[in-house]
């Protein structure tokens, strides 16, 4: 397990967070799962070796972008999951370091391909 790549997953919905962690685990990835901004802050400040962040912005206030900016400053690949197709969300995501934006419902095959591509 030590050689598994760790992905930071951020999602307010505990059920979705568990599903995502299970999906990532089945595909050989370890996940660090957080569901609040306080946990997100702890993960960013911690000594965890994170290779990529997967952030579902649903339910978070605008301060989620500050955390995304910190990921960008650490040169971590960032995938944003958005609740809907929106030019303003896309613009905000890209401005704060997103490498890609996926719109719900997320197609798992597309997500897996994107993760693998960003980790190459």
PDB file of N, CA and C in Angstrom:
ATOM      1  N   UNK A   1       0.808  -1.205   0.000  1.00  0.00           N
ATOM      2  CA  UNK A   1       0.000   0.000   0.000  1.00  0.00           C
ATOM      3  C   UNK A   1       0.851   1.270   0.000  1.00  0.00           C
ATOM      4  N   UNK A   2       2.091   1.193   0.465  1.00  0.00           N
ATOM      5  CA  UNK A   2       2.912   2.381   0.564  1.00  0.00           C
ATOM      6  C   UNK A   2       3.214   2.992  -0.794  1.00  0.00           C
ATOM      7  N   UNK A   3       3.246   2.172  -1.834  1.00  0.00           N
ATOM      8  CA  UNK A   3       3.577   2.707  -3.143  1.00  0.00           C
ATOM      9  C   UNK A   3       2.353   3.214  -3.900  1.00  0.00           C
ATOM     10  N   UNK A   4       1.188   3.162  -3.273  1.00  0.00           N
ATOM     11  CA  UNK A   4      -0.006   3.684  -3.918  1.00  0.00           C
ATOM     12  C   UNK A   4       0.047   5.205  -3.971  1.00  0.00           C
ATOM     13  N   UNK A   5      -0.474   5.748  -5.041  1.00  0.00           N
ATOM     14  CA  UNK A   5      -0.549   7.194  -5.195  1.00  0.00           C
ATOM     15  C   UNK A   5      -1.730   7.696  -4.384  1.00  0.00           C
ATOM     16  N   UNK A   6      -1.512   8.770  -3.632  1.00  0.00           N
ATOM     17  CA  UNK A   6      -2.553   9.319  -2.775  1.00  0.00           C
ATOM     18  C   UNK A   6      -3.251  10.498  -3.446  1.00  0.00           C
ATOM     19  N   UNK A   7      -4.567  10.423  -3.463  1.00  0.00           N
ATOM     20  CA  UNK A   7      -5.394  11.465  -4.056  1.00  0.00           C
ATOM     21  C   UNK A   7      -6.226  12.106  -2.954  1.00  0.00           C
ATOM     22  N   UNK A   8      -6.160  13.432  -2.870  1.00  0.00           N
ATOM     23  CA  UNK A   8      -6.987  14.172  -1.928  1.00  0.00           C
ATOM     24  C   UNK A   8      -8.365  14.332  -2.547  1.00  0.00           C
ATOM     25  N   UNK A   9      -9.387  13.792  -1.879  1.00  0.00           N
ATOM     26  CA  UNK A   9     -10.754  13.935  -2.365  1.00  0.00           C
ATOM     27  C   UNK A   9     -11.516  14.828  -1.400  1.00  0.00           C
ATOM     28  N   UNK A  10     -12.181  15.832  -1.952  1.00  0.00           N
ATOM     29  CA  UNK A  10     -12.930  16.802  -1.159  1.00  0.00           C
ATOM     30  C   UNK A  10     -14.374  16.765  -1.634  1.00  0.00           C
ATOM     31  N   UNK A  11     -15.282  16.453  -0.708  1.00  0.00           N
ATOM     32  CA  UNK A  11     -16.694  16.351  -1.062  1.00  0.00           C
ATOM     33  C   UNK A  11     -17.519  16.494   0.208  1.00  0.00           C
ATOM     34  N   UNK A  12     -18.486  17.398   0.221  1.00  0.00           N
ATOM     35  CA  UNK A  12     -19.330  17.599   1.406  1.00  0.00           C
ATOM     36  C   UNK A  12     -20.255  16.420   1.664  1.00  0.00           C
ATOM     37  N   UNK A  13     -20.599  15.702   0.621  1.00  0.00           N
ATOM     38  CA  UNK A  13     -21.533  14.583   0.729  1.00  0.00           C
ATOM     39  C   UNK A  13     -20.769  13.315   1.119  1.00  0.00           C
ATOM     40  N   UNK A  14     -20.997  12.839   2.344  1.00  0.00           N
ATOM     41  CA  UNK A  14     -20.279  11.666   2.858  1.00  0.00           C
ATOM     42  C   UNK A  14     -20.494  10.422   1.997  1.00  0.00           C
ATOM     43  N   UNK A  15     -21.705  10.225   1.504  1.00  0.00           N
ATOM     44  CA  UNK A  15     -21.988   9.053   0.662  1.00  0.00           C
ATOM     45  C   UNK A  15     -21.169   9.096  -0.620  1.00  0.00           C
ATOM     46  N   UNK A  16     -21.140  10.257  -1.254  1.00  0.00           N
ATOM     47  CA  UNK A  16     -20.349  10.400  -2.477  1.00  0.00           C
ATOM     48  C   UNK A  16     -18.863  10.248  -2.196  1.00  0.00           C
ATOM     49  N   UNK A  17     -18.430  10.735  -1.043  1.00  0.00           N
ATOM     50  CA  UNK A  17     -17.028  10.620  -0.657  1.00  0.00           C
ATOM     51  C   UNK A  17     -16.633   9.153  -0.497  1.00  0.00           C
ATOM     52  N   UNK A  18     -17.507   8.371   0.126  1.00  0.00           N
ATOM     53  CA  UNK A  18     -17.241   6.934   0.302  1.00  0.00           C
ATOM     54  C   UNK A  18     -17.214   6.212  -1.042  1.00  0.00           C
ATOM     55  N   UNK A  19     -18.161   6.550  -1.913  1.00  0.00           N
ATOM     56  CA  UNK A  19     -18.192   5.933  -3.247  1.00  0.00           C
ATOM     57  C   UNK A  19     -16.917   6.259  -4.026  1.00  0.00           C
ATOM     58  N   UNK A  20     -16.505   7.496  -3.947  1.00  0.00           N
ATOM     59  CA  UNK A  20     -15.301   7.924  -4.647  1.00  0.00           C
ATOM     60  C   UNK A  20     -14.067   7.220  -4.093  1.00  0.00           C
ATOM     61  N   UNK A  21     -13.974   7.120  -2.778  1.00  0.00           N
ATOM     62  CA  UNK A  21     -12.839   6.429  -2.144  1.00  0.00           C
ATOM     63  C   UNK A  21     -12.802   4.962  -2.566  1.00  0.00           C
ATOM     64  N   UNK A  22     -13.966   4.333  -2.613  1.00  0.00           N
ATOM     65  CA  UNK A  22     -14.046   2.931  -3.032  1.00  0.00           C
ATOM     66  C   UNK A  22     -13.599   2.786  -4.492  1.00  0.00           C
ATOM     67  N   UNK A  23     -14.102   3.656  -5.355  1.00  0.00           N
ATOM     68  CA  UNK A  23     -13.737   3.632  -6.771  1.00  0.00           C
ATOM     69  C   UNK A  23     -12.228   3.812  -6.950  1.00  0.00           C
ATOM     70  N   UNK A  24     -11.663   4.783  -6.252  1.00  0.00           N
ATOM     71  CA  UNK A  24     -10.225   5.026  -6.368  1.00  0.00           C
ATOM     72  C   UNK A  24      -9.428   3.834  -5.854  1.00  0.00           C
ATOM     73  N   UNK A  25      -9.859   3.263  -4.729  1.00  0.00           N
ATOM     74  CA  UNK A  25      -9.185   2.094  -4.164  1.00  0.00           C
ATOM     75  C   UNK A  25      -9.197   0.913  -5.111  1.00  0.00           C
ATOM     76  N   UNK A  26     -10.343   0.686  -5.757  1.00  0.00           N
ATOM     77  CA  UNK A  26     -10.456  -0.415  -6.723  1.00  0.00           C
ATOM     78  C   UNK A  26      -9.512  -0.234  -7.905  1.00  0.00           C
ATOM     79  N   UNK A  27      -9.142   1.014  -8.165  1.00  0.00           N
ATOM     80  CA  UNK A  27      -8.277   1.304  -9.307  1.00  0.00           C
ATOM     81  C   UNK A  27      -6.834   1.595  -8.899  1.00  0.00           C
ATOM     82  N   UNK A  28      -6.476   1.180  -7.679  1.00  0.00           N
ATOM     83  CA  UNK A  28      -5.088   1.238  -7.253  1.00  0.00           C
ATOM     84  C   UNK A  28      -4.621   2.530  -6.616  1.00  0.00           C
ATOM     85  N   UNK A  29      -5.562   3.392  -6.267  1.00  0.00           N
ATOM     86  CA  UNK A  29      -5.194   4.660  -5.651  1.00  0.00           C
ATOM     87  C   UNK A  29      -5.624   4.685  -4.191  1.00  0.00           C
ATOM     88  N   UNK A  30      -4.816   5.335  -3.386  1.00  0.00           N
ATOM     89  CA  UNK A  30      -5.168   5.580  -1.995  1.00  0.00           C
ATOM     90  C   UNK A  30      -5.796   6.969  -1.959  1.00  0.00           C
ATOM     91  N   UNK A  31      -6.789   7.177  -1.098  1.00  0.00           N
ATOM     92  CA  UNK A  31      -7.386   8.504  -1.034  1.00  0.00           C
ATOM     93  C   UNK A  31      -7.376   9.044   0.386  1.00  0.00           C
ATOM     94  N   UNK A  32      -7.188  10.336   0.469  1.00  0.00           N
ATOM     95  CA  UNK A  32      -7.316  11.079   1.712  1.00  0.00           C
ATOM     96  C   UNK A  32      -8.614  11.854   1.553  1.00  0.00           C
ATOM     97  N   UNK A  33      -9.635  11.492   2.325  1.00  0.00           N
ATOM     98  CA  UNK A  33     -10.981  12.008   2.118  1.00  0.00           C
ATOM     99  C   UNK A  33     -11.336  13.071   3.143  1.00  0.00           C
ATOM    100  N   UNK A  34     -11.770  14.234   2.663  1.00  0.00           N
ATOM    101  CA  UNK A  34     -12.181  15.311   3.551  1.00  0.00           C
ATOM    102  C   UNK A  34     -13.542  15.845   3.120  1.00  0.00           C
ATOM    103  N   UNK A  35     -14.330  16.271   4.118  1.00  0.00           N
ATOM    104  CA  UNK A  35     -15.685  16.728   3.805  1.00  0.00           C
ATOM    105  C   UNK A  35     -15.990  18.128   4.325  1.00  0.00           C
ATOM    106  N   UNK A  36     -14.988  18.819   4.842  1.00  0.00           N
ATOM    107  CA  UNK A  36     -15.207  20.182   5.330  1.00  0.00           C
ATOM    108  C   UNK A  36     -13.987  21.037   4.995  1.00  0.00           C
ATOM    109  N   UNK A  37     -14.182  22.344   5.076  1.00  0.00           N
ATOM    110  CA  UNK A  37     -13.061  23.244   4.815  1.00  0.00           C
ATOM    111  C   UNK A  37     -11.975  23.090   5.877  1.00  0.00           C
ATOM    112  N   UNK A  38     -12.372  22.838   7.124  1.00  0.00           N
ATOM    113  CA  UNK A  38     -11.391  22.643   8.197  1.00  0.00           C
ATOM    114  C   UNK A  38     -10.530  21.410   7.917  1.00  0.00           C
ATOM    115  N   UNK A  39     -11.162  20.317   7.476  1.00  0.00           N
ATOM    116  CA  UNK A  39     -10.409  19.106   7.129  1.00  0.00           C
ATOM    117  C   UNK A  39      -9.526  19.350   5.908  1.00  0.00           C
ATOM    118  N   UNK A  40     -10.032  20.129   4.967  1.00  0.00           N
ATOM    119  CA  UNK A  40      -9.263  20.486   3.772  1.00  0.00           C
ATOM    120  C   UNK A  40      -8.002  21.241   4.200  1.00  0.00           C
ATOM    121  N   UNK A  41      -8.161  22.202   5.104  1.00  0.00           N
ATOM    122  CA  UNK A  41      -7.018  22.961   5.614  1.00  0.00           C
ATOM    123  C   UNK A  41      -5.999  22.039   6.285  1.00  0.00           C
ATOM    124  N   UNK A  42      -6.481  21.097   7.079  1.00  0.00           N
ATOM    125  CA  UNK A  42      -5.590  20.150   7.758  1.00  0.00           C
ATOM    126  C   UNK A  42      -4.820  19.304   6.746  1.00  0.00           C
ATOM    127  N   UNK A  43      -5.513  18.871   5.711  1.00  0.00           N
ATOM    128  CA  UNK A  43      -4.860  18.057   4.679  1.00  0.00           C
ATOM    129  C   UNK A  43      -3.777  18.862   3.959  1.00  0.00           C
ATOM    130  N   UNK A  44      -4.064  20.133   3.696  1.00  0.00           N
ATOM    131  CA  UNK A  44      -3.086  20.981   3.014  1.00  0.00           C
ATOM    132  C   UNK A  44      -1.872  21.266   3.891  1.00  0.00           C
ATOM    133  N   UNK A  45      -2.087  21.351   5.195  1.00  0.00           N
ATOM    134  CA  UNK A  45      -1.001  21.655   6.131  1.00  0.00           C
ATOM    135  C   UNK A  45      -0.246  20.405   6.570  1.00  0.00           C
ATOM    136  N   UNK A  46      -0.854  19.242   6.359  1.00  0.00           N
ATOM    137  CA  UNK A  46      -0.269  17.994   6.839  1.00  0.00           C
ATOM    138  C   UNK A  46       0.917  17.522   6.032  1.00  0.00           C
ATOM    139  N   UNK A  47       1.486  16.460   6.525  1.00  0.00           N
ATOM    140  CA  UNK A  47       2.663  15.874   5.882  1.00  0.00           C
ATOM    141  C   UNK A  47       2.272  14.791   4.881  1.00  0.00           C
ATOM    142  N   UNK A  48       1.006  14.737   4.534  1.00  0.00           N
ATOM    143  CA  UNK A  48       0.534  13.717   3.601  1.00  0.00           C
ATOM    144  C   UNK A  48       1.133  13.954   2.222  1.00  0.00           C
ATOM    145  N   UNK A  49       1.526  12.874   1.582  1.00  0.00           N
ATOM    146  CA  UNK A  49       2.075  12.974   0.232  1.00  0.00           C
ATOM    147  C   UNK A  49       0.911  12.855  -0.757  1.00  0.00           C
ATOM    148  N   UNK A  50       0.480  13.991  -1.244  1.00  0.00           N
ATOM    149  CA  UNK A  50      -0.660  14.049  -2.155  1.00  0.00           C
ATOM    150  C   UNK A  50      -0.134  14.261  -3.572  1.00  0.00           C
ATOM    151  N   UNK A  51      -0.647  13.463  -4.497  1.00  0.00           N
ATOM    152  CA  UNK A  51      -0.209  13.565  -5.886  1.00  0.00           C
ATOM    153  C   UNK A  51      -1.200  14.331  -6.753  1.00  0.00           C
ATOM    154  N   UNK A  52      -2.468  14.397  -6.303  1.00  0.00           N
ATOM    155  CA  UNK A  52      -3.524  15.004  -7.107  1.00  0.00           C
ATOM    156  C   UNK A  52      -4.684  15.323  -6.179  1.00  0.00           C
ATOM    157  N   UNK A  53      -5.461  16.352  -6.514  1.00  0.00           N
ATOM    158  CA  UNK A  53      -6.650  16.694  -5.733  1.00  0.00           C
ATOM    159  C   UNK A  53      -7.883  16.630  -6.624  1.00  0.00           C
ATOM    160  N   UNK A  54      -8.936  16.078  -6.056  1.00  0.00           N
ATOM    161  CA  UNK A  54     -10.219  15.946  -6.725  1.00  0.00           C
ATOM    162  C   UNK A  54     -11.237  16.653  -5.841  1.00  0.00           C
ATOM    163  N   UNK A  55     -11.697  17.834  -6.266  1.00  0.00           N
ATOM    164  CA  UNK A  55     -12.518  18.691  -5.414  1.00  0.00           C
ATOM    165  C   UNK A  55     -13.903  18.881  -6.017  1.00  0.00           C
ATOM    166  N   UNK A  56     -14.919  18.394  -5.295  1.00  0.00           N
ATOM    167  CA  UNK A  56     -16.313  18.633  -5.665  1.00  0.00           C
ATOM    168  C   UNK A  56     -16.728  19.920  -4.961  1.00  0.00           C
ATOM    169  N   UNK A  57     -16.995  20.971  -5.718  1.00  0.00           N
ATOM    170  CA  UNK A  57     -17.291  22.278  -5.131  1.00  0.00           C
ATOM    171  C   UNK A  57     -18.726  22.402  -4.631  1.00  0.00           C
ATOM    172  N   UNK A  58     -19.562  21.414  -4.891  1.00  0.00           N
ATOM    173  CA  UNK A  58     -20.960  21.457  -4.492  1.00  0.00           C
ATOM    174  C   UNK A  58     -21.099  21.661  -2.986  1.00  0.00           C
ATOM    175  N   UNK A  59     -21.870  22.675  -2.600  1.00  0.00           N
ATOM    176  CA  UNK A  59     -22.171  22.897  -1.190  1.00  0.00           C
ATOM    177  C   UNK A  59     -21.154  23.727  -0.435  1.00  0.00           C
ATOM    178  N   UNK A  60     -20.038  24.052  -1.059  1.00  0.00           N
ATOM    179  CA  UNK A  60     -19.037  24.891  -0.398  1.00  0.00           C
ATOM    180  C   UNK A  60     -19.252  26.352  -0.774  1.00  0.00           C
ATOM    181  N   UNK A  61     -18.836  27.253   0.107  1.00  0.00           N
ATOM    182  CA  UNK A  61     -18.916  28.673  -0.228  1.00  0.00           C
ATOM    183  C   UNK A  61     -17.686  29.067  -1.055  1.00  0.00           C
ATOM    184  N   UNK A  62     -17.597  30.345  -1.356  1.00  0.00           N
ATOM    185  CA  UNK A  62     -16.524  30.826  -2.237  1.00  0.00           C
ATOM    186  C   UNK A  62     -15.124  30.595  -1.677  1.00  0.00           C
ATOM    187  N   UNK A  63     -15.013  30.354  -0.387  1.00  0.00           N
ATOM    188  CA  UNK A  63     -13.678  30.152   0.193  1.00  0.00           C
ATOM    189  C   UNK A  63     -13.033  28.843  -0.276  1.00  0.00           C
ATOM    190  N   UNK A  64     -13.812  27.987  -0.931  1.00  0.00           N
ATOM    191  CA  UNK A  64     -13.233  26.766  -1.505  1.00  0.00           C
ATOM    192  C   UNK A  64     -12.148  27.137  -2.517  1.00  0.00           C
ATOM    193  N   UNK A  65     -12.325  28.285  -3.195  1.00  0.00           N
ATOM    194  CA  UNK A  65     -11.365  28.705  -4.222  1.00  0.00           C
ATOM    195  C   UNK A  65     -10.019  29.062  -3.611  1.00  0.00           C
ATOM    196  N   UNK A  66     -10.020  29.570  -2.372  1.00  0.00           N
ATOM    197  CA  UNK A  66      -8.752  29.874  -1.697  1.00  0.00           C
ATOM    198  C   UNK A  66      -7.942  28.589  -1.507  1.00  0.00           C
ATOM    199  N   UNK A  67      -8.624  27.510  -1.160  1.00  0.00           N
ATOM    200  CA  UNK A  67      -7.937  26.226  -0.979  1.00  0.00           C
ATOM    201  C   UNK A  67      -7.425  25.697  -2.315  1.00  0.00           C
ATOM    202  N   UNK A  68      -8.220  25.878  -3.355  1.00  0.00           N
ATOM    203  CA  UNK A  68      -7.782  25.447  -4.690  1.00  0.00           C
ATOM    204  C   UNK A  68      -6.540  26.226  -5.113  1.00  0.00           C
ATOM    205  N   UNK A  69      -6.512  27.492  -4.770  1.00  0.00           N
ATOM    206  CA  UNK A  69      -5.349  28.327  -5.074  1.00  0.00           C
ATOM    207  C   UNK A  69      -4.101  27.796  -4.362  1.00  0.00           C
ATOM    208  N   UNK A  70      -4.259  27.336  -3.127  1.00  0.00           N
ATOM    209  CA  UNK A  70      -3.130  26.750  -2.394  1.00  0.00           C
ATOM    210  C   UNK A  70      -2.624  25.482  -3.081  1.00  0.00           C
ATOM    211  N   UNK A  71      -3.540  24.697  -3.620  1.00  0.00           N
ATOM    212  CA  UNK A  71      -3.139  23.502  -4.370  1.00  0.00           C
ATOM    213  C   UNK A  71      -2.322  23.902  -5.597  1.00  0.00           C
ATOM    214  N   UNK A  72      -2.795  24.945  -6.274  1.00  0.00           N
ATOM    215  CA  UNK A  72      -2.085  25.429  -7.461  1.00  0.00           C
ATOM    216  C   UNK A  72      -0.671  25.871  -7.098  1.00  0.00           C
ATOM    217  N   UNK A  73      -0.537  26.578  -5.971  1.00  0.00           N
ATOM    218  CA  UNK A  73       0.779  27.055  -5.532  1.00  0.00           C
ATOM    219  C   UNK A  73       1.712  25.900  -5.185  1.00  0.00           C
ATOM    220  N   UNK A  74       1.140  24.756  -4.823  1.00  0.00           N
ATOM    221  CA  UNK A  74       1.942  23.563  -4.537  1.00  0.00           C
ATOM    222  C   UNK A  74       2.165  22.722  -5.799  1.00  0.00           C
ATOM    223  N   UNK A  75       1.710  23.228  -6.930  1.00  0.00           N
ATOM    224  CA  UNK A  75       1.835  22.549  -8.229  1.00  0.00           C
ATOM    225  C   UNK A  75       1.183  21.172  -8.241  1.00  0.00           C
ATOM    226  N   UNK A  76       0.070  21.040  -7.518  1.00  0.00           N
ATOM    227  CA  UNK A  76      -0.665  19.771  -7.513  1.00  0.00           C
ATOM    228  C   UNK A  76      -1.728  19.783  -8.601  1.00  0.00           C
ATOM    229  N   UNK A  77      -1.815  18.725  -9.384  1.00  0.00           N
ATOM    230  CA  UNK A  77      -2.895  18.635 -10.363  1.00  0.00           C
ATOM    231  C   UNK A  77      -4.244  18.701  -9.642  1.00  0.00           C
ATOM    232  N   UNK A  78      -5.182  19.425 -10.239  1.00  0.00           N
ATOM    233  CA  UNK A  78      -6.486  19.658  -9.614  1.00  0.00           C
ATOM    234  C   UNK A  78      -7.610  19.398 -10.606  1.00  0.00           C
ATOM    235  N   UNK A  79      -8.523  18.532 -10.198  1.00  0.00           N
ATOM    236  CA  UNK A  79      -9.735  18.280 -10.971  1.00  0.00           C
ATOM    237  C   UNK A  79     -10.902  18.817 -10.152  1.00  0.00           C
ATOM    238  N   UNK A  80     -11.694  19.682 -10.762  1.00  0.00           N
ATOM    239  CA  UNK A  80     -12.889  20.225 -10.119  1.00  0.00           C
ATOM    240  C   UNK A  80     -14.097  19.444 -10.621  1.00  0.00           C
ATOM    241  N   UNK A  81     -14.971  19.074  -9.687  1.00  0.00           N
ATOM    242  CA  UNK A  81     -16.259  18.483 -10.047  1.00  0.00           C
ATOM    243  C   UNK A  81     -17.314  19.543  -9.771  1.00  0.00           C
ATOM    244  N   UNK A  82     -18.069  19.860 -10.799  1.00  0.00           N
ATOM    245  CA  UNK A  82     -19.071  20.920 -10.726  1.00  0.00           C
ATOM    246  C   UNK A  82     -20.481  20.331 -10.761  1.00  0.00           C
ATOM    247  N   UNK A  83     -21.414  20.957 -10.042  1.00  0.00           N
ATOM    248  CA  UNK A  83     -22.783  20.448 -10.038  1.00  0.00           C
ATOM    249  C   UNK A  83     -23.517  20.680 -11.361  1.00  0.00           C
ATOM    250  N   UNK A  84     -23.003  21.620 -12.154  1.00  0.00           N
ATOM    251  CA  UNK A  84     -23.681  21.924 -13.424  1.00  0.00           C
ATOM    252  C   UNK A  84     -22.697  22.564 -14.402  1.00  0.00           C
ATOM    253  N   UNK A  85     -23.073  22.557 -15.659  1.00  0.00           N
ATOM    254  CA  UNK A  85     -22.289  23.214 -16.699  1.00  0.00           C
ATOM    255  C   UNK A  85     -22.490  24.715 -16.537  1.00  0.00           C
ATOM    256  N   UNK A  86     -21.417  25.455 -16.350  1.00  0.00           N
ATOM    257  CA  UNK A  86     -21.526  26.889 -16.132  1.00  0.00           C
ATOM    258  C   UNK A  86     -20.234  27.566 -16.558  1.00  0.00           C
ATOM    259  N   UNK A  87     -20.374  28.595 -17.388  1.00  0.00           N
ATOM    260  CA  UNK A  87     -19.192  29.331 -17.838  1.00  0.00           C
ATOM    261  C   UNK A  87     -18.495  30.004 -16.663  1.00  0.00           C
ATOM    262  N   UNK A  88     -19.262  30.514 -15.699  1.00  0.00           N
ATOM    263  CA  UNK A  88     -18.642  31.201 -14.562  1.00  0.00           C
ATOM    264  C   UNK A  88     -17.889  30.219 -13.662  1.00  0.00           C
ATOM    265  N   UNK A  89     -18.439  29.023 -13.450  1.00  0.00           N
ATOM    266  CA  UNK A  89     -17.737  28.011 -12.652  1.00  0.00           C
ATOM    267  C   UNK A  89     -16.475  27.570 -13.382  1.00  0.00           C
ATOM    268  N   UNK A  90     -16.583  27.388 -14.677  1.00  0.00           N
ATOM    269  CA  UNK A  90     -15.412  26.994 -15.472  1.00  0.00           C
ATOM    270  C   UNK A  90     -14.313  28.055 -15.366  1.00  0.00           C
ATOM    271  N   UNK A  91     -14.698  29.314 -15.530  1.00  0.00           N
ATOM    272  CA  UNK A  91     -13.740  30.416 -15.455  1.00  0.00           C
ATOM    273  C   UNK A  91     -13.105  30.482 -14.063  1.00  0.00           C
ATOM    274  N   UNK A  92     -13.916  30.370 -13.022  1.00  0.00           N
ATOM    275  CA  UNK A  92     -13.423  30.399 -11.638  1.00  0.00           C
ATOM    276  C   UNK A  92     -12.468  29.229 -11.387  1.00  0.00           C
ATOM    277  N   UNK A  93     -12.846  28.051 -11.865  1.00  0.00           N
ATOM    278  CA  UNK A  93     -12.019  26.853 -11.677  1.00  0.00           C
ATOM    279  C   UNK A  93     -10.650  27.014 -12.321  1.00  0.00           C
ATOM    280  N   UNK A  94     -10.640  27.447 -13.556  1.00  0.00           N
ATOM    281  CA  UNK A  94      -9.379  27.619 -14.276  1.00  0.00           C
ATOM    282  C   UNK A  94      -8.527  28.727 -13.657  1.00  0.00           C
ATOM    283  N   UNK A  95      -9.177  29.792 -13.194  1.00  0.00           N
ATOM    284  CA  UNK A  95      -8.453  30.902 -12.572  1.00  0.00           C
ATOM    285  C   UNK A  95      -7.763  30.482 -11.278  1.00  0.00           C
ATOM    286  N   UNK A  96      -8.295  29.450 -10.629  1.00  0.00           N
ATOM    287  CA  UNK A  96      -7.744  29.010  -9.349  1.00  0.00           C
ATOM    288  C   UNK A  96      -6.987  27.692  -9.453  1.00  0.00           C
ATOM    289  N   UNK A  97      -6.550  27.362 -10.663  1.00  0.00           N
ATOM    290  CA  UNK A  97      -5.605  26.264 -10.813  1.00  0.00           C
ATOM    291  C   UNK A  97      -6.132  24.937 -11.300  1.00  0.00           C
ATOM    292  N   UNK A  98      -7.395  24.854 -11.669  1.00  0.00           N
ATOM    293  CA  UNK A  98      -7.928  23.570 -12.135  1.00  0.00           C
ATOM    294  C   UNK A  98      -7.263  23.150 -13.441  1.00  0.00           C
ATOM    295  N   UNK A  99      -6.889  21.885 -13.488  1.00  0.00           N
ATOM    296  CA  UNK A  99      -6.371  21.311 -14.726  1.00  0.00           C
ATOM    297  C   UNK A  99      -7.510  20.814 -15.593  1.00  0.00           C
ATOM    298  N   UNK A 100      -8.619  20.484 -14.942  1.00  0.00           N
ATOM    299  CA  UNK A 100      -9.783  19.989 -15.661  1.00  0.00           C
ATOM    300  C   UNK A 100     -11.029  20.184 -14.807  1.00  0.00           C
ATOM    301  N   UNK A 101     -12.177  20.241 -15.480  1.00  0.00           N
ATOM    302  CA  UNK A 101     -13.461  20.371 -14.802  1.00  0.00           C
ATOM    303  C   UNK A 101     -14.378  19.281 -15.329  1.00  0.00           C
ATOM    304  N   UNK A 102     -14.974  18.529 -14.417  1.00  0.00           N
ATOM    305  CA  UNK A 102     -15.969  17.527 -14.781  1.00  0.00           C
ATOM    306  C   UNK A 102     -17.316  17.977 -14.236  1.00  0.00           C
ATOM    307  N   UNK A 103     -18.364  17.724 -15.005  1.00  0.00           N
ATOM    308  CA  UNK A 103     -19.715  18.096 -14.597  1.00  0.00           C
ATOM    309  C   UNK A 103     -20.468  16.838 -14.195  1.00  0.00           C
ATOM    310  N   UNK A 104     -21.225  16.949 -13.106  1.00  0.00           N
ATOM    311  CA  UNK A 104     -22.030  15.818 -12.633  1.00  0.00           C
ATOM    312  C   UNK A 104     -23.145  15.531 -13.626  1.00  0.00           C
ATOM    313  N   UNK A 105     -23.527  14.294 -13.780  1.00  0.00           N
ATOM    314  CA  UNK A 105     -22.949  13.105 -13.165  1.00  0.00           C
ATOM    315  C   UNK A 105     -21.610  12.762 -13.820  1.00  0.00           C
ATOM    316  N   UNK A 106     -20.654  12.376 -12.992  1.00  0.00           N
ATOM    317  CA  UNK A 106     -19.302  12.084 -13.465  1.00  0.00           C
ATOM    318  C   UNK A 106     -19.264  10.690 -14.090  1.00  0.00           C
ATOM    319  N   UNK A 107     -18.675  10.607 -15.261  1.00  0.00           N
ATOM    320  CA  UNK A 107     -18.470   9.332 -15.942  1.00  0.00           C
ATOM    321  C   UNK A 107     -17.162   8.751 -15.405  1.00  0.00           C
ATOM    322  N   UNK A 108     -17.252   7.607 -14.729  1.00  0.00           N
ATOM    323  CA  UNK A 108     -16.082   7.060 -14.034  1.00  0.00           C
ATOM    324  C   UNK A 108     -14.927   6.748 -14.985  1.00  0.00           C
ATOM    325  N   UNK A 109     -15.218   6.264 -16.155  1.00  0.00           N
ATOM    326  CA  UNK A 109     -14.157   5.964 -17.125  1.00  0.00           C
ATOM    327  C   UNK A 109     -13.401   7.244 -17.501  1.00  0.00           C
ATOM    328  N   UNK A 110     -14.150   8.320 -17.694  1.00  0.00           N
ATOM    329  CA  UNK A 110     -13.536   9.611 -18.022  1.00  0.00           C
ATOM    330  C   UNK A 110     -12.689  10.116 -16.846  1.00  0.00           C
ATOM    331  N   UNK A 111     -13.214   9.981 -15.632  1.00  0.00           N
ATOM    332  CA  UNK A 111     -12.480  10.401 -14.438  1.00  0.00           C
ATOM    333  C   UNK A 111     -11.174   9.627 -14.300  1.00  0.00           C
ATOM    334  N   UNK A 112     -11.236   8.327 -14.456  1.00  0.00           N
ATOM    335  CA  UNK A 112     -10.047   7.489 -14.327  1.00  0.00           C
ATOM    336  C   UNK A 112      -8.999   7.845 -15.386  1.00  0.00           C
ATOM    337  N   UNK A 113      -9.437   8.046 -16.613  1.00  0.00           N
ATOM    338  CA  UNK A 113      -8.517   8.438 -17.681  1.00  0.00           C
ATOM    339  C   UNK A 113      -7.859   9.779 -17.397  1.00  0.00           C
ATOM    340  N   UNK A 114      -8.629  10.705 -16.886  1.00  0.00           N
ATOM    341  CA  UNK A 114      -8.110  12.027 -16.559  1.00  0.00           C
ATOM    342  C   UNK A 114      -7.093  11.956 -15.423  1.00  0.00           C
ATOM    343  N   UNK A 115      -7.397  11.185 -14.389  1.00  0.00           N
ATOM    344  CA  UNK A 115      -6.466  11.011 -13.270  1.00  0.00           C
ATOM    345  C   UNK A 115      -5.151  10.428 -13.773  1.00  0.00           C
ATOM    346  N   UNK A 116      -5.247   9.379 -14.555  1.00  0.00           N
ATOM    347  CA  UNK A 116      -4.023   8.735 -15.070  1.00  0.00           C
ATOM    348  C   UNK A 116      -3.215   9.686 -15.939  1.00  0.00           C
ATOM    349  N   UNK A 117      -3.909  10.453 -16.762  1.00  0.00           N
ATOM    350  CA  UNK A 117      -3.224  11.418 -17.627  1.00  0.00           C
ATOM    351  C   UNK A 117      -2.495  12.484 -16.800  1.00  0.00           C
ATOM    352  N   UNK A 118      -3.150  13.021 -15.787  1.00  0.00           N
ATOM    353  CA  UNK A 118      -2.545  14.081 -14.975  1.00  0.00           C
ATOM    354  C   UNK A 118      -1.391  13.580 -14.115  1.00  0.00           C
ATOM    355  N   UNK A 119      -1.372  12.289 -13.829  1.00  0.00           N
ATOM    356  CA  UNK A 119      -0.308  11.729 -12.996  1.00  0.00           C
ATOM    357  C   UNK A 119       0.889  11.230 -13.802  1.00  0.00           C
ATOM    358  N   UNK A 120       0.797  11.278 -15.120  1.00  0.00           N
ATOM    359  CA  UNK A 120       1.915  10.822 -15.969  1.00  0.00           C
ATOM    360  C   UNK A 120       3.126  11.712 -15.813  1.00  0.00           C
TER     361      UNK A 120
END
